[in-house]
PDB file of N, CA and C in Angstrom:
ATOM      1  N   UNK A   1      86.418  96.115 232.937  1.00  0.00           N
ATOM      2  CA  UNK A   1      86.609  97.004 234.197  1.00  0.00           C
ATOM      3  C   UNK A   1      87.662  96.003 235.024  1.00  0.00           C
ATOM      4  N   UNK A   2      88.640  96.491 235.684  1.00  0.00           N
ATOM      5  CA  UNK A   2      89.466  95.710 236.557  1.00  0.00           C
ATOM      6  C   UNK A   2      89.309  96.137 237.842  1.00  0.00           C
ATOM      7  N   UNK A   3      88.553  95.229 238.739  1.00  0.00           N
ATOM      8  CA  UNK A   3      88.173  95.457 240.171  1.00  0.00           C
ATOM      9  C   UNK A   3      89.509  95.293 240.911  1.00  0.00           C
ATOM     10  N   UNK A   4      89.640  96.216 241.803  1.00  0.00           N
ATOM     11  CA  UNK A   4      90.579  96.279 242.835  1.00  0.00           C
ATOM     12  C   UNK A   4      90.163  95.296 244.087  1.00  0.00           C
ATOM     13  N   UNK A   5      91.051  94.567 244.435  1.00  0.00           N
ATOM     14  CA  UNK A   5      90.538  93.531 245.586  1.00  0.00           C
ATOM     15  C   UNK A   5      91.685  93.999 247.020  1.00  0.00           C
ATOM     16  N   UNK A   6      91.406  92.886 247.912  1.00  0.00           N
ATOM     17  CA  UNK A   6      92.002  93.204 249.079  1.00  0.00           C
ATOM     18  C   UNK A   6      92.352  91.875 249.719  1.00  0.00           C
ATOM     19  N   UNK A   7      93.127  91.815 250.711  1.00  0.00           N
ATOM     20  CA  UNK A   7      93.155  90.406 251.403  1.00  0.00           C
ATOM     21  C   UNK A   7      91.973  89.892 251.934  1.00  0.00           C
ATOM     22  N   UNK A   8      91.025  90.800 252.509  1.00  0.00           N
ATOM     23  CA  UNK A   8      89.674  90.516 252.967  1.00  0.00           C
ATOM     24  C   UNK A   8      88.671  89.880 251.942  1.00  0.00           C
ATOM     25  N   UNK A   9      88.665  90.440 250.669  1.00  0.00           N
ATOM     26  CA  UNK A   9      87.662  89.828 249.746  1.00  0.00           C
ATOM     27  C   UNK A   9      88.359  89.037 248.934  1.00  0.00           C
ATOM     28  N   UNK A  10      89.547  88.884 248.723  1.00  0.00           N
ATOM     29  CA  UNK A  10      90.223  87.883 247.673  1.00  0.00           C
ATOM     30  C   UNK A  10      89.617  86.451 247.417  1.00  0.00           C
ATOM     31  N   UNK A  11      89.380  85.822 248.442  1.00  0.00           N
ATOM     32  CA  UNK A  11      88.936  84.417 248.328  1.00  0.00           C
ATOM     33  C   UNK A  11      87.526  84.422 247.761  1.00  0.00           C
ATOM     34  N   UNK A  12      86.544  85.255 248.138  1.00  0.00           N
ATOM     35  CA  UNK A  12      85.186  85.576 247.881  1.00  0.00           C
ATOM     36  C   UNK A  12      85.324  86.054 246.337  1.00  0.00           C
ATOM     37  N   UNK A  13      85.891  87.009 246.201  1.00  0.00           N
ATOM     38  CA  UNK A  13      86.066  87.565 244.780  1.00  0.00           C
ATOM     39  C   UNK A  13      86.713  86.549 243.618  1.00  0.00           C
ATOM     40  N   UNK A  14      87.362  85.973 244.019  1.00  0.00           N
ATOM     41  CA  UNK A  14      88.269  84.849 242.935  1.00  0.00           C
ATOM     42  C   UNK A  14      87.804  83.366 243.150  1.00  0.00           C
ATOM     43  N   UNK A  15      86.426  83.076 243.692  1.00  0.00           N
ATOM     44  CA  UNK A  15      86.243  81.615 243.893  1.00  0.00           C
ATOM     45  C   UNK A  15      85.232  81.292 242.571  1.00  0.00           C
ATOM     46  N   UNK A  16      84.746  81.840 241.839  1.00  0.00           N
ATOM     47  CA  UNK A  16      83.969  81.309 240.733  1.00  0.00           C
ATOM     48  C   UNK A  16      84.432  81.705 239.242  1.00  0.00           C
ATOM     49  N   UNK A  17      84.426  80.865 238.412  1.00  0.00           N
ATOM     50  CA  UNK A  17      84.898  81.160 236.956  1.00  0.00           C
ATOM     51  C   UNK A  17      86.292  81.202 236.941  1.00  0.00           C
ATOM     52  N   UNK A  18      86.835  81.799 235.746  1.00  0.00           N
ATOM     53  CA  UNK A  18      88.090  82.272 235.334  1.00  0.00           C
ATOM     54  C   UNK A  18      88.345  83.557 236.077  1.00  0.00           C
ATOM     55  N   UNK A  19      89.497  83.474 236.880  1.00  0.00           N
ATOM     56  CA  UNK A  19      89.580  85.128 237.366  1.00  0.00           C
ATOM     57  C   UNK A  19      91.184  85.149 237.248  1.00  0.00           C
ATOM     58  N   UNK A  20      91.552  86.423 236.682  1.00  0.00           N
ATOM     59  CA  UNK A  20      92.864  86.853 236.782  1.00  0.00           C
ATOM     60  C   UNK A  20      93.223  87.868 237.642  1.00  0.00           C
ATOM     61  N   UNK A  21      94.294  87.844 238.645  1.00  0.00           N
ATOM     62  CA  UNK A  21      94.623  88.679 239.645  1.00  0.00           C
ATOM     63  C   UNK A  21      95.958  89.140 239.039  1.00  0.00           C
ATOM     64  N   UNK A  22      96.152  90.496 239.166  1.00  0.00           N
ATOM     65  CA  UNK A  22      97.515  91.210 238.807  1.00  0.00           C
ATOM     66  C   UNK A  22      97.890  91.699 240.164  1.00  0.00           C
ATOM     67  N   UNK A  23      98.983  91.028 240.680  1.00  0.00           N
ATOM     68  CA  UNK A  23      99.560  91.593 241.809  1.00  0.00           C
ATOM     69  C   UNK A  23     100.691  92.693 241.435  1.00  0.00           C
ATOM     70  N   UNK A  24     100.369  93.954 241.839  1.00  0.00           N
ATOM     71  CA  UNK A  24     101.301  95.130 241.802  1.00  0.00           C
ATOM     72  C   UNK A  24     101.494  96.068 242.934  1.00  0.00           C
ATOM     73  N   UNK A  25     102.395  96.919 242.622  1.00  0.00           N
ATOM     74  CA  UNK A  25     102.712  97.893 243.489  1.00  0.00           C
ATOM     75  C   UNK A  25     102.725  99.257 242.760  1.00  0.00           C
ATOM     76  N   UNK A  26     102.610 100.429 243.367  1.00  0.00           N
ATOM     77  CA  UNK A  26     102.497 102.074 242.998  1.00  0.00           C
ATOM     78  C   UNK A  26     104.178 102.045 242.404  1.00  0.00           C
ATOM     79  N   UNK A  27     105.123 101.521 243.075  1.00  0.00           N
ATOM     80  CA  UNK A  27     106.492 101.749 242.811  1.00  0.00           C
ATOM     81  C   UNK A  27     107.013 100.892 241.760  1.00  0.00           C
ATOM     82  N   UNK A  28     106.317 100.191 241.298  1.00  0.00           N
ATOM     83  CA  UNK A  28     106.878  98.816 240.382  1.00  0.00           C
ATOM     84  C   UNK A  28     106.957  99.320 238.970  1.00  0.00           C
ATOM     85  N   UNK A  29     107.787  99.866 238.343  1.00  0.00           N
ATOM     86  CA  UNK A  29     107.833  99.953 236.735  1.00  0.00           C
ATOM     87  C   UNK A  29     107.409  99.045 235.819  1.00  0.00           C
ATOM     88  N   UNK A  30     107.724  97.567 235.911  1.00  0.00           N
ATOM     89  CA  UNK A  30     106.943  96.761 234.964  1.00  0.00           C
ATOM     90  C   UNK A  30     105.493  96.464 235.378  1.00  0.00           C
ATOM     91  N   UNK A  31     105.162  96.803 236.758  1.00  0.00           N
ATOM     92  CA  UNK A  31     103.470  96.951 236.937  1.00  0.00           C
ATOM     93  C   UNK A  31     103.057  97.837 236.158  1.00  0.00           C
ATOM     94  N   UNK A  32     103.452  99.318 236.164  1.00  0.00           N
ATOM     95  CA  UNK A  32     102.887 100.257 235.348  1.00  0.00           C
ATOM     96  C   UNK A  32     102.680  99.871 233.894  1.00  0.00           C
ATOM     97  N   UNK A  33     103.773  99.050 233.130  1.00  0.00           N
ATOM     98  CA  UNK A  33     103.403  98.678 231.949  1.00  0.00           C
ATOM     99  C   UNK A  33     102.505  97.284 231.932  1.00  0.00           C
ATOM    100  N   UNK A  34     102.204  96.734 232.868  1.00  0.00           N
ATOM    101  CA  UNK A  34     101.525  95.439 232.968  1.00  0.00           C
ATOM    102  C   UNK A  34      99.965  96.046 232.899  1.00  0.00           C
ATOM    103  N   UNK A  35      99.575  97.194 233.887  1.00  0.00           N
ATOM    104  CA  UNK A  35      98.322  97.497 233.986  1.00  0.00           C
ATOM    105  C   UNK A  35      97.571  97.763 232.845  1.00  0.00           C
ATOM    106  N   UNK A  36      97.992  98.496 231.766  1.00  0.00           N
ATOM    107  CA  UNK A  36      97.368  98.758 230.724  1.00  0.00           C
ATOM    108  C   UNK A  36      96.885  97.477 229.893  1.00  0.00           C
ATOM    109  N   UNK A  37      97.896  96.565 229.770  1.00  0.00           N
ATOM    110  CA  UNK A  37      97.616  95.107 229.038  1.00  0.00           C
ATOM    111  C   UNK A  37      96.478  94.624 229.741  1.00  0.00           C
ATOM    112  N   UNK A  38      96.444  94.270 231.153  1.00  0.00           N
ATOM    113  CA  UNK A  38      95.175  93.919 232.016  1.00  0.00           C
ATOM    114  C   UNK A  38      94.075  94.348 231.624  1.00  0.00           C
ATOM    115  N   UNK A  39      94.011  95.979 231.548  1.00  0.00           N
ATOM    116  CA  UNK A  39      92.857  96.738 231.551  1.00  0.00           C
ATOM    117  C   UNK A  39      92.189  96.512 230.145  1.00  0.00           C
ATOM    118  N   UNK A  40      92.957  96.468 229.240  1.00  0.00           N
ATOM    119  CA  UNK A  40      92.634  96.266 227.726  1.00  0.00           C
ATOM    120  C   UNK A  40      91.982  94.834 227.652  1.00  0.00           C
ATOM    121  N   UNK A  41      92.604  93.730 228.115  1.00  0.00           N
ATOM    122  CA  UNK A  41      91.975  92.477 228.138  1.00  0.00           C
ATOM    123  C   UNK A  41      90.646  92.461 228.830  1.00  0.00           C
ATOM    124  N   UNK A  42      90.595  93.393 229.986  1.00  0.00           N
ATOM    125  CA  UNK A  42      89.248  93.301 230.644  1.00  0.00           C
ATOM    126  C   UNK A  42      88.278  93.865 229.730  1.00  0.00           C
ATOM    127  N   UNK A  43      88.371  94.954 228.799  1.00  0.00           N
ATOM    128  CA  UNK A  43      87.392  95.470 228.059  1.00  0.00           C
ATOM    129  C   UNK A  43      87.187  94.620 226.992  1.00  0.00           C
ATOM    130  N   UNK A  44      87.928  93.767 226.684  1.00  0.00           N
ATOM    131  CA  UNK A  44      87.655  92.887 225.411  1.00  0.00           C
ATOM    132  C   UNK A  44      87.137  91.460 225.962  1.00  0.00           C
ATOM    133  N   UNK A  45      87.248  91.233 227.006  1.00  0.00           N
ATOM    134  CA  UNK A  45      87.091  89.611 227.534  1.00  0.00           C
ATOM    135  C   UNK A  45      85.671  89.836 228.533  1.00  0.00           C
ATOM    136  N   UNK A  46      84.949  88.992 228.047  1.00  0.00           N
ATOM    137  CA  UNK A  46      83.593  88.877 229.008  1.00  0.00           C
ATOM    138  C   UNK A  46      83.482  87.594 230.050  1.00  0.00           C
ATOM    139  N   UNK A  47      84.531  86.645 229.148  1.00  0.00           N
ATOM    140  CA  UNK A  47      84.716  85.375 229.901  1.00  0.00           C
ATOM    141  C   UNK A  47      85.724  85.184 231.230  1.00  0.00           C
ATOM    142  N   UNK A  48      86.201  86.323 231.297  1.00  0.00           N
ATOM    143  CA  UNK A  48      87.142  86.418 232.412  1.00  0.00           C
ATOM    144  C   UNK A  48      87.041  87.674 233.481  1.00  0.00           C
ATOM    145  N   UNK A  49      86.973  87.468 234.855  1.00  0.00           N
ATOM    146  CA  UNK A  49      87.103  88.390 235.817  1.00  0.00           C
ATOM    147  C   UNK A  49      88.401  88.933 235.834  1.00  0.00           C
ATOM    148  N   UNK A  50      88.615  90.249 235.789  1.00  0.00           N
ATOM    149  CA  UNK A  50      89.850  90.775 236.057  1.00  0.00           C
ATOM    150  C   UNK A  50      89.898  91.458 237.447  1.00  0.00           C
ATOM    151  N   UNK A  51      90.961  91.162 238.329  1.00  0.00           N
ATOM    152  CA  UNK A  51      91.107  91.872 239.606  1.00  0.00           C
ATOM    153  C   UNK A  51      92.693  92.463 239.787  1.00  0.00           C
ATOM    154  N   UNK A  52      92.843  93.288 240.449  1.00  0.00           N
ATOM    155  CA  UNK A  52      94.257  93.552 240.874  1.00  0.00           C
ATOM    156  C   UNK A  52      94.391  93.655 242.405  1.00  0.00           C
ATOM    157  N   UNK A  53      95.464  93.585 242.844  1.00  0.00           N
ATOM    158  CA  UNK A  53      95.785  93.616 244.352  1.00  0.00           C
ATOM    159  C   UNK A  53      97.157  94.414 244.536  1.00  0.00           C
ATOM    160  N   UNK A  54      97.093  95.428 245.047  1.00  0.00           N
ATOM    161  CA  UNK A  54      98.062  96.191 245.666  1.00  0.00           C
ATOM    162  C   UNK A  54      98.915  95.504 247.012  1.00  0.00           C
ATOM    163  N   UNK A  55     100.205  94.840 246.617  1.00  0.00           N
ATOM    164  CA  UNK A  55     100.943  94.118 247.265  1.00  0.00           C
ATOM    165  C   UNK A  55     101.231  94.834 248.556  1.00  0.00           C
ATOM    166  N   UNK A  56     101.405  96.134 248.644  1.00  0.00           N
ATOM    167  CA  UNK A  56     102.102  96.758 249.943  1.00  0.00           C
ATOM    168  C   UNK A  56     100.888  97.111 250.805  1.00  0.00           C
ATOM    169  N   UNK A  57      99.541  97.191 250.256  1.00  0.00           N
ATOM    170  CA  UNK A  57      98.493  97.462 251.098  1.00  0.00           C
ATOM    171  C   UNK A  57      97.630  96.111 251.567  1.00  0.00           C
ATOM    172  N   UNK A  58      98.085  95.047 250.829  1.00  0.00           N
ATOM    173  CA  UNK A  58      97.568  93.716 251.122  1.00  0.00           C
ATOM    174  C   UNK A  58      98.802  92.652 251.140  1.00  0.00           C
ATOM    175  N   UNK A  59      99.540  92.428 252.133  1.00  0.00           N
ATOM    176  CA  UNK A  59     100.722  91.443 252.364  1.00  0.00           C
ATOM    177  C   UNK A  59     100.148  90.079 252.655  1.00  0.00           C
ATOM    178  N   UNK A  60      99.096  89.733 252.939  1.00  0.00           N
ATOM    179  CA  UNK A  60      98.869  88.370 253.422  1.00  0.00           C
ATOM    180  C   UNK A  60      98.404  87.523 252.066  1.00  0.00           C
ATOM    181  N   UNK A  61      98.009  87.803 251.073  1.00  0.00           N
ATOM    182  CA  UNK A  61      97.644  87.023 249.860  1.00  0.00           C
ATOM    183  C   UNK A  61      98.876  86.828 249.394  1.00  0.00           C
ATOM    184  N   UNK A  62      99.783  87.875 248.790  1.00  0.00           N
ATOM    185  CA  UNK A  62     100.679  87.491 248.046  1.00  0.00           C
ATOM    186  C   UNK A  62     101.793  86.710 248.804  1.00  0.00           C
ATOM    187  N   UNK A  63     101.748  86.685 249.920  1.00  0.00           N
ATOM    188  CA  UNK A  63     102.650  85.778 251.150  1.00  0.00           C
ATOM    189  C   UNK A  63     101.998  84.465 250.890  1.00  0.00           C
ATOM    190  N   UNK A  64     100.920  84.246 251.091  1.00  0.00           N
ATOM    191  CA  UNK A  64     100.132  83.145 250.804  1.00  0.00           C
ATOM    192  C   UNK A  64     100.399  82.334 249.698  1.00  0.00           C
ATOM    193  N   UNK A  65     100.527  82.853 248.527  1.00  0.00           N
ATOM    194  CA  UNK A  65     101.017  82.307 247.017  1.00  0.00           C
ATOM    195  C   UNK A  65     102.238  82.472 246.822  1.00  0.00           C
ATOM    196  N   UNK A  66     102.944  82.647 247.957  1.00  0.00           N
ATOM    197  CA  UNK A  66     104.783  82.810 247.527  1.00  0.00           C
ATOM    198  C   UNK A  66     105.173  83.868 246.486  1.00  0.00           C
ATOM    199  N   UNK A  67     104.390  84.949 246.313  1.00  0.00           N
ATOM    200  CA  UNK A  67     104.868  85.852 245.529  1.00  0.00           C
ATOM    201  C   UNK A  67     105.845  86.649 246.043  1.00  0.00           C
ATOM    202  N   UNK A  68     107.099  86.381 245.200  1.00  0.00           N
ATOM    203  CA  UNK A  68     108.443  87.301 245.662  1.00  0.00           C
ATOM    204  C   UNK A  68     108.720  88.487 244.515  1.00  0.00           C
ATOM    205  N   UNK A  69     108.143  88.342 243.315  1.00  0.00           N
ATOM    206  CA  UNK A  69     108.407  89.289 242.329  1.00  0.00           C
ATOM    207  C   UNK A  69     107.011  89.874 241.876  1.00  0.00           C
ATOM    208  N   UNK A  70     107.116  91.126 241.754  1.00  0.00           N
ATOM    209  CA  UNK A  70     105.945  91.700 240.771  1.00  0.00           C
ATOM    210  C   UNK A  70     106.289  92.439 239.690  1.00  0.00           C
ATOM    211  N   UNK A  71     105.552  92.426 238.404  1.00  0.00           N
ATOM    212  CA  UNK A  71     104.263  92.002 238.530  1.00  0.00           C
ATOM    213  C   UNK A  71     103.950  90.506 238.682  1.00  0.00           C
ATOM    214  N   UNK A  72     103.240  89.942 239.253  1.00  0.00           N
ATOM    215  CA  UNK A  72     102.694  88.404 239.207  1.00  0.00           C
ATOM    216  C   UNK A  72     101.203  88.308 238.984  1.00  0.00           C
ATOM    217  N   UNK A  73     100.915  87.468 238.081  1.00  0.00           N
ATOM    218  CA  UNK A  73      99.568  87.270 237.680  1.00  0.00           C
ATOM    219  C   UNK A  73      99.201  86.049 237.934  1.00  0.00           C
ATOM    220  N   UNK A  74      98.107  85.719 238.693  1.00  0.00           N
ATOM    221  CA  UNK A  74      97.684  84.529 239.054  1.00  0.00           C
ATOM    222  C   UNK A  74      96.272  84.305 238.428  1.00  0.00           C
ATOM    223  N   UNK A  75      96.181  83.114 237.735  1.00  0.00           N
ATOM    224  CA  UNK A  75      94.776  82.890 237.066  1.00  0.00           C
ATOM    225  C   UNK A  75      94.169  81.534 237.949  1.00  0.00           C
ATOM    226  N   UNK A  76      92.850  81.988 238.309  1.00  0.00           N
ATOM    227  CA  UNK A  76      92.225  80.839 238.952  1.00  0.00           C
ATOM    228  C   UNK A  76      90.857  80.245 238.120  1.00  0.00           C
ATOM    229  N   UNK A  77      90.502  79.053 238.421  1.00  0.00           N
ATOM    230  CA  UNK A  77      89.424  78.729 237.637  1.00  0.00           C
ATOM    231  C   UNK A  77      88.595  78.069 238.710  1.00  0.00           C
ATOM    232  N   UNK A  78      87.526  78.283 238.887  1.00  0.00           N
ATOM    233  CA  UNK A  78      86.886  78.068 240.191  1.00  0.00           C
ATOM    234  C   UNK A  78      87.668  77.814 241.223  1.00  0.00           C
ATOM    235  N   UNK A  79      88.316  78.768 241.745  1.00  0.00           N
ATOM    236  CA  UNK A  79      88.812  78.987 243.058  1.00  0.00           C
ATOM    237  C   UNK A  79      90.198  78.219 243.097  1.00  0.00           C
ATOM    238  N   UNK A  80      90.446  77.447 242.008  1.00  0.00           N
ATOM    239  CA  UNK A  80      91.842  76.672 242.188  1.00  0.00           C
ATOM    240  C   UNK A  80      92.868  77.600 241.430  1.00  0.00           C
ATOM    241  N   UNK A  81      94.052  77.845 241.720  1.00  0.00           N
ATOM    242  CA  UNK A  81      94.893  78.353 240.979  1.00  0.00           C
ATOM    243  C   UNK A  81      95.659  77.439 239.816  1.00  0.00           C
ATOM    244  N   UNK A  82      95.366  77.841 238.596  1.00  0.00           N
ATOM    245  CA  UNK A  82      95.740  76.924 237.210  1.00  0.00           C
ATOM    246  C   UNK A  82      97.209  77.590 236.697  1.00  0.00           C
ATOM    247  N   UNK A  83      97.328  78.885 236.867  1.00  0.00           N
ATOM    248  CA  UNK A  83      98.424  79.504 236.271  1.00  0.00           C
ATOM    249  C   UNK A  83      99.143  80.556 237.210  1.00  0.00           C
ATOM    250  N   UNK A  84     100.408  80.666 237.302  1.00  0.00           N
ATOM    251  CA  UNK A  84     100.965  81.749 237.876  1.00  0.00           C
ATOM    252  C   UNK A  84     102.213  82.091 236.909  1.00  0.00           C
ATOM    253  N   UNK A  85     101.831  83.829 236.502  1.00  0.00           N
ATOM    254  CA  UNK A  85     102.776  84.078 235.533  1.00  0.00           C
ATOM    255  C   UNK A  85     103.663  85.354 236.280  1.00  0.00           C
ATOM    256  N   UNK A  86     104.968  84.978 236.151  1.00  0.00           N
ATOM    257  CA  UNK A  86     105.607  86.149 236.948  1.00  0.00           C
ATOM    258  C   UNK A  86     106.536  87.228 235.786  1.00  0.00           C
ATOM    259  N   UNK A  87     106.456  88.369 235.898  1.00  0.00           N
ATOM    260  CA  UNK A  87     107.010  89.313 235.252  1.00  0.00           C
ATOM    261  C   UNK A  87     106.154  89.874 234.087  1.00  0.00           C
ATOM    262  N   UNK A  88     106.574  90.779 233.263  1.00  0.00           N
ATOM    263  CA  UNK A  88     105.484  91.616 232.333  1.00  0.00           C
ATOM    264  C   UNK A  88     105.226  90.477 231.402  1.00  0.00           C
ATOM    265  N   UNK A  89     103.645  90.368 230.966  1.00  0.00           N
ATOM    266  CA  UNK A  89     103.194  89.539 229.992  1.00  0.00           C
ATOM    267  C   UNK A  89     102.625  90.230 229.157  1.00  0.00           C
ATOM    268  N   UNK A  90     102.931  90.291 227.744  1.00  0.00           N
ATOM    269  CA  UNK A  90     102.412  90.934 226.681  1.00  0.00           C
ATOM    270  C   UNK A  90     100.776  90.519 226.352  1.00  0.00           C
ATOM    271  N   UNK A  91     100.047  91.596 225.821  1.00  0.00           N
ATOM    272  CA  UNK A  91      98.744  90.911 225.659  1.00  0.00           C
ATOM    273  C   UNK A  91      98.467  89.526 224.870  1.00  0.00           C
ATOM    274  N   UNK A  92      99.229  89.557 223.876  1.00  0.00           N
ATOM    275  CA  UNK A  92      99.092  88.115 223.236  1.00  0.00           C
ATOM    276  C   UNK A  92      99.363  86.828 224.169  1.00  0.00           C
ATOM    277  N   UNK A  93     100.325  87.219 224.917  1.00  0.00           N
ATOM    278  CA  UNK A  93     100.862  86.030 225.725  1.00  0.00           C
ATOM    279  C   UNK A  93      99.607  85.660 226.811  1.00  0.00           C
ATOM    280  N   UNK A  94      98.964  86.786 227.070  1.00  0.00           N
ATOM    281  CA  UNK A  94      97.896  86.420 228.107  1.00  0.00           C
ATOM    282  C   UNK A  94      96.885  86.088 227.572  1.00  0.00           C
ATOM    283  N   UNK A  95      96.475  86.397 226.325  1.00  0.00           N
ATOM    284  CA  UNK A  95      95.288  86.000 225.496  1.00  0.00           C
ATOM    285  C   UNK A  95      95.441  84.328 225.389  1.00  0.00           C
ATOM    286  N   UNK A  96      96.805  84.084 224.976  1.00  0.00           N
ATOM    287  CA  UNK A  96      97.035  82.762 224.638  1.00  0.00           C
ATOM    288  C   UNK A  96      96.865  81.847 226.078  1.00  0.00           C
ATOM    289  N   UNK A  97      97.373  82.293 227.209  1.00  0.00           N
ATOM    290  CA  UNK A  97      97.186  81.522 228.487  1.00  0.00           C
ATOM    291  C   UNK A  97      95.898  81.438 228.872  1.00  0.00           C
ATOM    292  N   UNK A  98      94.932  82.579 228.785  1.00  0.00           N
ATOM    293  CA  UNK A  98      93.793  82.610 229.168  1.00  0.00           C
ATOM    294  C   UNK A  98      92.787  81.805 228.436  1.00  0.00           C
ATOM    295  N   UNK A  99      93.077  81.645 227.062  1.00  0.00           N
ATOM    296  CA  UNK A  99      92.251  80.909 226.260  1.00  0.00           C
ATOM    297  C   UNK A  99      92.281  79.102 226.446  1.00  0.00           C
ATOM    298  N   UNK A 100      93.345  78.895 227.272  1.00  0.00           N
ATOM    299  CA  UNK A 100      93.326  77.393 227.794  1.00  0.00           C
ATOM    300  C   UNK A 100      92.256  77.217 228.723  1.00  0.00           C
ATOM    301  N   UNK A 101      91.669  78.428 229.480  1.00  0.00           N
ATOM    302  CA  UNK A 101      90.790  77.936 230.510  1.00  0.00           C
ATOM    303  C   UNK A 101      89.472  78.462 230.258  1.00  0.00           C
ATOM    304  N   UNK A 102      89.248  79.113 229.119  1.00  0.00           N
ATOM    305  CA  UNK A 102      87.833  79.764 228.595  1.00  0.00           C
ATOM    306  C   UNK A 102      87.049  79.031 227.548  1.00  0.00           C
ATOM    307  N   UNK A 103      88.106  78.170 226.711  1.00  0.00           N
ATOM    308  CA  UNK A 103      87.356  77.560 225.806  1.00  0.00           C
ATOM    309  C   UNK A 103      86.398  76.757 226.009  1.00  0.00           C
TER     310      UNK A 103
END
């Protein structure tokens, strides 16, 4: 399951373990392609917490991370950003990237 998070709970929800956050918006075409990929990975992967944030409803966090384009995926490990992926990522690309932090 992909958990919807906000500016208010971003830090607390992403401080432990490996967390992937999908920054998206309802009007964004590539985001609509990215979401099913993230949801599929969330079903298959128990080692990673999957979250998503609507950038229109939550402007502070994307600004804090300098997110200018969406979709942007940020991967945090134990509260530290270890990867920032801009643009659509295939399931294979994401699996390869996440495997660096979950092995």
